Amino acid sequence: MKLDARDLAILRVLAREGRLSKTALADRIGLSPTPAWERLRKLERAGLIEGYRAQINLRKLGPSVTVFVAAELADHTQASFRTFEASLQAHEEIVTCWALGGRYDYLLQIVTRDIEAYQHLIDTLLDARIGIARYFTYVVTKQVKGGGTPPLELFLDRMD
């Protein structure tokens, strides 16, 4: 799919602000509502927009802890990776997981009520014998930057 500057503008606005009314989106990108909405629908159909989410302020809900875990698996077989990845799906506290190249196999982002709840989750994963050889815990003390918009300008050369 070829994108133009207006398509990137739509993606940039939605990445920053989430779902908007037809009129608000059109105002932000300098088009009338119908063409803006048609472009939006085209981007959705092409799979460039995967969904819309609310950004939740966890501090307003109560205490919580965010932890990053770098995990190494004992075996590096396709079956081991599949077992590990499938087991994570059952745990809502694991909000994101990335497979990595390099020193560690996976990086997990975990959000729990407190450190005790985090430790309980780790104990559950270890007891399940899903292939974790070692893990390294990094507790977030403060968020310095977050919720950023992807650098869509990097894709400008791919539009033609």
N, C-alpha and C. Protein backbone atom coordinates (compact mmCIF):
# COMPACT_ATOMS: atom_id res chain seq x y z
N MET A 1 0.84 -1.18 0.00
CA MET A 1 0.00 0.00 0.00
C MET A 1 0.88 1.24 0.00
N LYS A 2 0.62 2.15 -0.90
CA LYS A 2 1.36 3.41 -0.94
C LYS A 2 0.70 4.42 -0.03
N LEU A 3 1.52 5.08 0.77
CA LEU A 3 1.04 6.10 1.68
C LEU A 3 1.51 7.46 1.20
N ASP A 4 0.73 8.47 1.51
CA ASP A 4 1.17 9.83 1.23
C ASP A 4 1.24 10.60 2.55
N ALA A 5 1.59 11.87 2.46
CA ALA A 5 1.78 12.68 3.66
C ALA A 5 0.50 12.77 4.49
N ARG A 6 -0.67 12.79 3.85
CA ARG A 6 -1.93 12.87 4.60
C ARG A 6 -2.18 11.57 5.37
N ASP A 7 -1.86 10.42 4.75
CA ASP A 7 -2.01 9.15 5.45
C ASP A 7 -1.12 9.12 6.69
N LEU A 8 0.12 9.56 6.54
CA LEU A 8 1.02 9.61 7.70
C LEU A 8 0.51 10.59 8.75
N ALA A 9 -0.09 11.69 8.32
CA ALA A 9 -0.66 12.65 9.27
C ALA A 9 -1.78 11.99 10.07
N ILE A 10 -2.62 11.21 9.41
CA ILE A 10 -3.69 10.49 10.11
C ILE A 10 -3.09 9.55 11.14
N LEU A 11 -2.09 8.77 10.74
CA LEU A 11 -1.47 7.82 11.66
C LEU A 11 -0.83 8.54 12.84
N ARG A 12 -0.17 9.66 12.58
CA ARG A 12 0.48 10.43 13.64
C ARG A 12 -0.56 10.96 14.64
N VAL A 13 -1.64 11.54 14.13
CA VAL A 13 -2.69 12.09 15.01
C VAL A 13 -3.30 10.98 15.86
N LEU A 14 -3.62 9.85 15.24
CA LEU A 14 -4.25 8.76 15.99
C LEU A 14 -3.30 8.15 17.01
N ALA A 15 -2.00 8.08 16.68
CA ALA A 15 -1.03 7.54 17.63
C ALA A 15 -0.93 8.42 18.87
N ARG A 16 -1.10 9.74 18.69
CA ARG A 16 -1.01 10.67 19.82
C ARG A 16 -2.32 10.78 20.60
N GLU A 17 -3.44 10.80 19.86
CA GLU A 17 -4.71 11.16 20.49
C GLU A 17 -5.74 10.04 20.54
N GLY A 18 -5.51 8.95 19.85
CA GLY A 18 -6.48 7.87 19.84
C GLY A 18 -7.62 8.16 18.88
N ARG A 19 -8.71 7.50 19.10
CA ARG A 19 -9.86 7.63 18.21
C ARG A 19 -10.48 9.02 18.34
N LEU A 20 -10.78 9.62 17.20
CA LEU A 20 -11.37 10.96 17.16
C LEU A 20 -12.64 10.94 16.33
N SER A 21 -13.45 11.97 16.47
CA SER A 21 -14.61 12.12 15.59
C SER A 21 -14.13 12.41 14.18
N LYS A 22 -14.99 12.18 13.23
CA LYS A 22 -14.67 12.45 11.82
C LYS A 22 -14.26 13.90 11.63
N THR A 23 -14.98 14.81 12.25
CA THR A 23 -14.70 16.24 12.11
C THR A 23 -13.37 16.61 12.75
N ALA A 24 -13.11 16.11 13.95
CA ALA A 24 -11.86 16.43 14.65
C ALA A 24 -10.65 15.92 13.87
N LEU A 25 -10.75 14.69 13.34
CA LEU A 25 -9.66 14.14 12.54
C LEU A 25 -9.43 14.99 11.29
N ALA A 26 -10.50 15.34 10.62
CA ALA A 26 -10.40 16.16 9.41
C ALA A 26 -9.73 17.50 9.71
N ASP A 27 -10.12 18.12 10.81
CA ASP A 27 -9.51 19.41 11.20
C ASP A 27 -8.01 19.26 11.44
N ARG A 28 -7.61 18.19 12.09
CA ARG A 28 -6.20 17.99 12.43
C ARG A 28 -5.32 17.79 11.21
N ILE A 29 -5.88 17.19 10.14
CA ILE A 29 -5.03 16.89 8.97
C ILE A 29 -5.32 17.79 7.77
N GLY A 30 -6.26 18.71 7.91
CA GLY A 30 -6.52 19.68 6.86
C GLY A 30 -7.31 19.14 5.68
N LEU A 31 -8.24 18.25 5.94
CA LEU A 31 -9.14 17.73 4.91
C LEU A 31 -10.58 17.92 5.37
N SER A 32 -11.51 17.75 4.46
CA SER A 32 -12.91 17.74 4.87
C SER A 32 -13.22 16.37 5.47
N PRO A 33 -14.30 16.25 6.24
CA PRO A 33 -14.58 15.02 6.98
C PRO A 33 -14.68 13.75 6.12
N THR A 34 -15.40 13.79 5.02
CA THR A 34 -15.59 12.56 4.25
C THR A 34 -14.29 11.99 3.69
N PRO A 35 -13.44 12.78 3.02
CA PRO A 35 -12.17 12.22 2.55
C PRO A 35 -11.26 11.74 3.69
N ALA A 36 -11.27 12.46 4.81
CA ALA A 36 -10.46 12.04 5.95
C ALA A 36 -10.92 10.69 6.46
N TRP A 37 -12.25 10.52 6.57
CA TRP A 37 -12.81 9.27 7.07
C TRP A 37 -12.54 8.13 6.08
N GLU A 38 -12.61 8.39 4.79
CA GLU A 38 -12.33 7.37 3.78
C GLU A 38 -10.87 6.91 3.88
N ARG A 39 -9.96 7.85 4.07
CA ARG A 39 -8.55 7.50 4.25
C ARG A 39 -8.36 6.66 5.51
N LEU A 40 -9.04 7.05 6.59
CA LEU A 40 -8.95 6.30 7.84
C LEU A 40 -9.41 4.86 7.63
N ARG A 41 -10.54 4.68 6.99
CA ARG A 41 -11.07 3.34 6.73
C ARG A 41 -10.10 2.52 5.87
N LYS A 42 -9.47 3.16 4.89
CA LYS A 42 -8.49 2.49 4.03
C LYS A 42 -7.30 2.01 4.87
N LEU A 43 -6.82 2.85 5.78
CA LEU A 43 -5.71 2.47 6.65
C LEU A 43 -6.09 1.33 7.59
N GLU A 44 -7.33 1.35 8.08
CA GLU A 44 -7.80 0.26 8.93
C GLU A 44 -7.88 -1.05 8.14
N ARG A 45 -8.47 -1.00 6.95
CA ARG A 45 -8.60 -2.21 6.12
C ARG A 45 -7.24 -2.80 5.75
N ALA A 46 -6.26 -1.92 5.55
CA ALA A 46 -4.91 -2.37 5.18
C ALA A 46 -4.15 -2.95 6.38
N GLY A 47 -4.72 -2.84 7.59
CA GLY A 47 -4.07 -3.37 8.77
C GLY A 47 -3.02 -2.47 9.38
N LEU A 48 -2.91 -1.23 8.90
CA LEU A 48 -1.95 -0.30 9.48
C LEU A 48 -2.39 0.20 10.86
N ILE A 49 -3.68 0.21 11.09
CA ILE A 49 -4.23 0.56 12.41
C ILE A 49 -4.77 -0.72 13.00
N GLU A 50 -4.13 -1.19 14.07
CA GLU A 50 -4.52 -2.46 14.68
C GLU A 50 -5.62 -2.32 15.70
N GLY A 51 -5.83 -1.14 16.25
CA GLY A 51 -6.86 -0.96 17.26
C GLY A 51 -6.73 0.39 17.93
N TYR A 52 -7.64 0.65 18.83
CA TYR A 52 -7.68 1.90 19.59
C TYR A 52 -7.72 1.54 21.06
N ARG A 53 -6.92 2.26 21.86
CA ARG A 53 -6.85 1.95 23.29
C ARG A 53 -6.86 3.24 24.10
N ALA A 54 -7.31 3.11 25.33
CA ALA A 54 -7.23 4.22 26.27
C ALA A 54 -5.91 4.13 27.01
N GLN A 55 -5.32 5.25 27.30
CA GLN A 55 -4.11 5.29 28.11
C GLN A 55 -4.56 5.48 29.55
N ILE A 56 -4.34 4.46 30.38
CA ILE A 56 -4.83 4.45 31.76
C ILE A 56 -3.75 5.00 32.69
N ASN A 57 -4.13 5.90 33.57
CA ASN A 57 -3.23 6.43 34.59
C ASN A 57 -3.31 5.51 35.80
N LEU A 58 -2.38 4.57 35.91
CA LEU A 58 -2.40 3.59 37.00
C LEU A 58 -2.29 4.24 38.37
N ARG A 59 -1.59 5.37 38.46
CA ARG A 59 -1.45 6.04 39.76
C ARG A 59 -2.80 6.44 40.34
N LYS A 60 -3.75 6.77 39.47
CA LYS A 60 -5.09 7.16 39.93
C LYS A 60 -5.88 5.96 40.45
N LEU A 61 -5.51 4.74 40.03
CA LEU A 61 -6.21 3.53 40.47
C LEU A 61 -5.69 3.00 41.79
N GLY A 62 -4.47 3.36 42.14
CA GLY A 62 -3.89 2.87 43.37
C GLY A 62 -2.45 2.44 43.14
N PRO A 63 -1.81 1.96 44.20
CA PRO A 63 -0.41 1.55 44.06
C PRO A 63 -0.25 0.42 43.05
N SER A 64 0.86 0.46 42.34
CA SER A 64 1.22 -0.61 41.42
C SER A 64 2.72 -0.59 41.23
N VAL A 65 3.23 -1.64 40.65
CA VAL A 65 4.65 -1.71 40.34
C VAL A 65 4.79 -2.24 38.92
N THR A 66 5.70 -1.61 38.17
CA THR A 66 6.04 -2.08 36.83
C THR A 66 7.43 -2.67 36.90
N VAL A 67 7.56 -3.86 36.33
CA VAL A 67 8.82 -4.59 36.37
C VAL A 67 9.15 -5.06 34.96
N PHE A 68 10.41 -4.92 34.59
CA PHE A 68 10.89 -5.53 33.35
C PHE A 68 11.69 -6.76 33.74
N VAL A 69 11.48 -7.82 33.01
CA VAL A 69 12.19 -9.07 33.27
C VAL A 69 12.88 -9.51 31.99
N ALA A 70 14.20 -9.68 32.07
CA ALA A 70 14.95 -10.26 30.97
C ALA A 70 15.07 -11.75 31.28
N ALA A 71 14.61 -12.58 30.36
CA ALA A 71 14.57 -14.03 30.60
C ALA A 71 15.42 -14.77 29.59
N GLU A 72 16.12 -15.78 30.09
CA GLU A 72 16.87 -16.70 29.24
C GLU A 72 16.21 -18.07 29.36
N LEU A 73 16.05 -18.73 28.25
CA LEU A 73 15.50 -20.08 28.26
C LEU A 73 16.63 -21.10 28.35
N ALA A 74 16.32 -22.25 28.92
CA ALA A 74 17.31 -23.32 29.04
C ALA A 74 17.62 -23.94 27.69
N ASP A 75 16.62 -24.11 26.86
CA ASP A 75 16.79 -24.71 25.53
C ASP A 75 16.40 -23.70 24.47
N HIS A 76 17.06 -23.78 23.36
CA HIS A 76 16.77 -22.86 22.26
C HIS A 76 16.22 -23.63 21.07
N THR A 77 15.18 -24.38 21.33
CA THR A 77 14.49 -25.11 20.26
C THR A 77 13.18 -24.39 19.96
N GLN A 78 12.67 -24.63 18.78
CA GLN A 78 11.38 -24.03 18.40
C GLN A 78 10.29 -24.44 19.39
N ALA A 79 10.30 -25.67 19.82
CA ALA A 79 9.30 -26.15 20.78
C ALA A 79 9.41 -25.41 22.11
N SER A 80 10.64 -25.13 22.56
CA SER A 80 10.83 -24.40 23.82
C SER A 80 10.29 -22.99 23.72
N PHE A 81 10.58 -22.34 22.60
CA PHE A 81 10.05 -20.98 22.40
C PHE A 81 8.53 -20.98 22.38
N ARG A 82 7.94 -21.94 21.66
CA ARG A 82 6.47 -22.02 21.59
C ARG A 82 5.85 -22.26 22.96
N THR A 83 6.45 -23.16 23.74
CA THR A 83 5.93 -23.45 25.08
C THR A 83 5.97 -22.21 25.96
N PHE A 84 7.11 -21.52 25.95
CA PHE A 84 7.26 -20.32 26.77
C PHE A 84 6.25 -19.26 26.35
N GLU A 85 6.18 -18.97 25.06
CA GLU A 85 5.30 -17.92 24.56
C GLU A 85 3.83 -18.24 24.82
N ALA A 86 3.44 -19.47 24.64
CA ALA A 86 2.03 -19.85 24.88
C ALA A 86 1.67 -19.71 26.35
N SER A 87 2.60 -20.03 27.24
CA SER A 87 2.29 -19.98 28.68
C SER A 87 2.06 -18.56 29.17
N LEU A 88 2.67 -17.59 28.51
CA LEU A 88 2.53 -16.20 28.95
C LEU A 88 1.13 -15.65 28.72
N GLN A 89 0.43 -16.21 27.76
CA GLN A 89 -0.89 -15.70 27.40
C GLN A 89 -1.90 -15.78 28.55
N ALA A 90 -1.67 -16.67 29.49
CA ALA A 90 -2.61 -16.86 30.60
C ALA A 90 -2.43 -15.85 31.73
N HIS A 91 -1.45 -14.97 31.62
CA HIS A 91 -1.14 -14.06 32.73
C HIS A 91 -1.33 -12.61 32.29
N GLU A 92 -2.42 -12.00 32.75
CA GLU A 92 -2.72 -10.61 32.39
C GLU A 92 -1.67 -9.62 32.89
N GLU A 93 -0.98 -9.98 33.96
CA GLU A 93 0.04 -9.08 34.51
C GLU A 93 1.20 -8.88 33.53
N ILE A 94 1.41 -9.84 32.65
CA ILE A 94 2.45 -9.71 31.63
C ILE A 94 1.82 -8.94 30.49
N VAL A 95 2.07 -7.64 30.49
CA VAL A 95 1.37 -6.77 29.53
C VAL A 95 2.04 -6.73 28.17
N THR A 96 3.35 -6.99 28.13
CA THR A 96 4.08 -7.00 26.87
C THR A 96 5.23 -7.98 26.98
N CYS A 97 5.52 -8.63 25.86
CA CYS A 97 6.68 -9.51 25.81
C CYS A 97 7.30 -9.40 24.43
N TRP A 98 8.61 -9.22 24.40
CA TRP A 98 9.35 -9.14 23.15
C TRP A 98 10.35 -10.28 23.09
N ALA A 99 10.46 -10.95 21.96
CA ALA A 99 11.55 -11.89 21.71
C ALA A 99 12.74 -11.06 21.26
N LEU A 100 13.92 -11.38 21.78
CA LEU A 100 15.10 -10.58 21.53
C LEU A 100 16.19 -11.38 20.84
N GLY A 101 17.04 -10.68 20.12
CA GLY A 101 18.29 -11.24 19.66
C GLY A 101 19.37 -10.68 20.56
N GLY A 102 20.33 -11.48 20.94
CA GLY A 102 21.38 -10.99 21.82
C GLY A 102 21.46 -11.78 23.09
N ARG A 103 21.83 -11.14 24.16
CA ARG A 103 22.11 -11.79 25.45
C ARG A 103 20.90 -12.53 26.02
N TYR A 104 19.73 -11.90 26.00
CA TYR A 104 18.54 -12.51 26.59
C TYR A 104 17.60 -12.96 25.49
N ASP A 105 16.74 -13.90 25.82
CA ASP A 105 15.78 -14.41 24.84
C ASP A 105 14.51 -13.59 24.78
N TYR A 106 14.07 -13.08 25.94
CA TYR A 106 12.81 -12.34 26.02
C TYR A 106 12.94 -11.18 26.99
N LEU A 107 12.15 -10.14 26.73
CA LEU A 107 11.99 -9.03 27.66
C LEU A 107 10.50 -8.90 27.94
N LEU A 108 10.12 -9.03 29.20
CA LEU A 108 8.73 -8.96 29.61
C LEU A 108 8.49 -7.68 30.38
N GLN A 109 7.34 -7.05 30.14
CA GLN A 109 6.89 -5.93 30.95
C GLN A 109 5.73 -6.44 31.78
N ILE A 110 5.87 -6.30 33.08
CA ILE A 110 4.88 -6.84 34.02
C ILE A 110 4.37 -5.71 34.90
N VAL A 111 3.06 -5.66 35.10
CA VAL A 111 2.45 -4.68 36.01
C VAL A 111 1.64 -5.45 37.05
N THR A 112 1.97 -5.23 38.33
CA THR A 112 1.24 -5.88 39.42
C THR A 112 0.93 -4.86 40.52
N ARG A 113 0.16 -5.31 41.51
CA ARG A 113 -0.19 -4.45 42.64
C ARG A 113 1.03 -4.04 43.44
N ASP A 114 1.93 -5.01 43.66
CA ASP A 114 3.10 -4.78 44.51
C ASP A 114 4.16 -5.83 44.20
N ILE A 115 5.28 -5.73 44.89
CA ILE A 115 6.39 -6.66 44.65
C ILE A 115 6.00 -8.09 45.03
N GLU A 116 5.19 -8.24 46.07
CA GLU A 116 4.78 -9.58 46.47
C GLU A 116 3.97 -10.25 45.35
N ALA A 117 3.09 -9.51 44.71
CA ALA A 117 2.31 -10.06 43.60
C ALA A 117 3.22 -10.40 42.42
N TYR A 118 4.22 -9.57 42.18
CA TYR A 118 5.20 -9.86 41.13
C TYR A 118 5.92 -11.17 41.46
N GLN A 119 6.39 -11.31 42.69
CA GLN A 119 7.13 -12.51 43.08
C GLN A 119 6.25 -13.76 42.96
N HIS A 120 4.99 -13.62 43.29
CA HIS A 120 4.06 -14.75 43.15
C HIS A 120 3.94 -15.16 41.68
N LEU A 121 3.86 -14.18 40.79
CA LEU A 121 3.79 -14.49 39.36
C LEU A 121 5.05 -15.21 38.90
N ILE A 122 6.21 -14.73 39.30
CA ILE A 122 7.48 -15.37 38.90
C ILE A 122 7.54 -16.79 39.45
N ASP A 123 7.14 -16.97 40.71
CA ASP A 123 7.13 -18.32 41.29
C ASP A 123 6.20 -19.25 40.50
N THR A 124 5.06 -18.72 40.09
CA THR A 124 4.11 -19.51 39.29
C THR A 124 4.74 -19.91 37.95
N LEU A 125 5.42 -18.97 37.30
CA LEU A 125 6.07 -19.28 36.02
C LEU A 125 7.18 -20.31 36.20
N LEU A 126 7.96 -20.17 37.26
CA LEU A 126 9.03 -21.13 37.51
C LEU A 126 8.47 -22.52 37.85
N ASP A 127 7.43 -22.56 38.66
CA ASP A 127 6.80 -23.84 39.01
C ASP A 127 6.19 -24.54 37.80
N ALA A 128 5.77 -23.76 36.81
CA ALA A 128 5.16 -24.33 35.61
C ALA A 128 6.19 -24.98 34.69
N ARG A 129 7.46 -24.77 34.97
CA ARG A 129 8.55 -25.37 34.17
C ARG A 129 8.37 -25.10 32.68
N ILE A 130 8.32 -23.81 32.37
CA ILE A 130 8.13 -23.41 30.97
C ILE A 130 9.45 -23.11 30.27
N GLY A 131 10.56 -23.48 30.91
CA GLY A 131 11.85 -23.38 30.25
C GLY A 131 12.74 -22.24 30.68
N ILE A 132 12.37 -21.51 31.72
CA ILE A 132 13.19 -20.38 32.16
C ILE A 132 14.44 -20.92 32.86
N ALA A 133 15.62 -20.57 32.32
CA ALA A 133 16.88 -20.95 32.96
C ALA A 133 17.30 -19.89 33.96
N ARG A 134 17.21 -18.62 33.54
CA ARG A 134 17.57 -17.49 34.39
C ARG A 134 16.65 -16.32 34.06
N TYR A 135 16.45 -15.47 35.06
CA TYR A 135 15.71 -14.24 34.80
C TYR A 135 16.32 -13.12 35.63
N PHE A 136 16.19 -11.91 35.11
CA PHE A 136 16.76 -10.74 35.75
C PHE A 136 15.66 -9.70 35.87
N THR A 137 15.44 -9.22 37.09
CA THR A 137 14.35 -8.32 37.41
C THR A 137 14.84 -6.88 37.48
N TYR A 138 14.10 -5.99 36.81
CA TYR A 138 14.40 -4.56 36.84
C TYR A 138 13.12 -3.83 37.22
N VAL A 139 13.10 -3.28 38.44
CA VAL A 139 11.93 -2.57 38.94
C VAL A 139 11.97 -1.13 38.45
N VAL A 140 10.87 -0.67 37.89
CA VAL A 140 10.78 0.71 37.41
C VAL A 140 10.58 1.63 38.61
N THR A 141 11.43 2.64 38.72
CA THR A 141 11.30 3.59 39.82
C THR A 141 10.53 4.84 39.39
N LYS A 142 10.64 5.19 38.09
CA LYS A 142 9.82 6.26 37.55
C LYS A 142 9.87 6.17 36.02
N GLN A 143 8.80 6.61 35.41
CA GLN A 143 8.76 6.68 33.95
C GLN A 143 9.31 8.03 33.53
N VAL A 144 10.30 8.00 32.66
CA VAL A 144 10.94 9.22 32.20
C VAL A 144 10.29 9.68 30.89
N LYS A 145 9.96 8.74 30.04
CA LYS A 145 9.31 9.04 28.77
C LYS A 145 8.44 7.85 28.43
N GLY A 146 7.29 8.12 27.85
CA GLY A 146 6.42 7.01 27.49
C GLY A 146 5.27 7.46 26.64
N GLY A 147 4.58 6.49 26.08
CA GLY A 147 3.41 6.79 25.26
C GLY A 147 3.75 7.57 24.01
N GLY A 148 4.99 7.44 23.57
CA GLY A 148 5.43 8.20 22.42
C GLY A 148 4.83 7.73 21.12
N THR A 149 4.85 8.62 20.16
CA THR A 149 4.39 8.33 18.82
C THR A 149 5.55 7.73 18.04
N PRO A 150 5.32 6.63 17.31
CA PRO A 150 6.41 6.07 16.51
C PRO A 150 6.93 7.12 15.52
N PRO A 151 8.21 7.08 15.18
CA PRO A 151 8.78 8.07 14.26
C PRO A 151 8.37 7.77 12.82
N LEU A 152 7.17 8.17 12.46
CA LEU A 152 6.61 7.83 11.15
C LEU A 152 7.39 8.43 10.00
N GLU A 153 8.14 9.50 10.25
CA GLU A 153 8.93 10.12 9.19
C GLU A 153 9.96 9.15 8.63
N LEU A 154 10.35 8.15 9.41
CA LEU A 154 11.31 7.15 8.93
C LEU A 154 10.79 6.38 7.72
N PHE A 155 9.49 6.40 7.53
CA PHE A 155 8.87 5.62 6.46
C PHE A 155 8.54 6.46 5.24
N LEU A 156 8.92 7.72 5.26
CA LEU A 156 8.61 8.60 4.13
C LEU A 156 9.20 8.09 2.83
N ASP A 157 10.41 7.53 2.86
CA ASP A 157 11.03 7.04 1.63
C ASP A 157 10.33 5.81 1.07
N ARG A 158 9.47 5.18 1.84
CA ARG A 158 8.74 3.99 1.39
C ARG A 158 7.38 4.34 0.77
N MET A 159 7.05 5.61 0.74
CA MET A 159 5.72 6.03 0.28
C MET A 159 5.62 6.04 -1.24
N ASP A 160 6.70 6.19 -1.94
CA ASP A 160 6.64 6.32 -3.39
C ASP A 160 6.56 4.98 -4.09
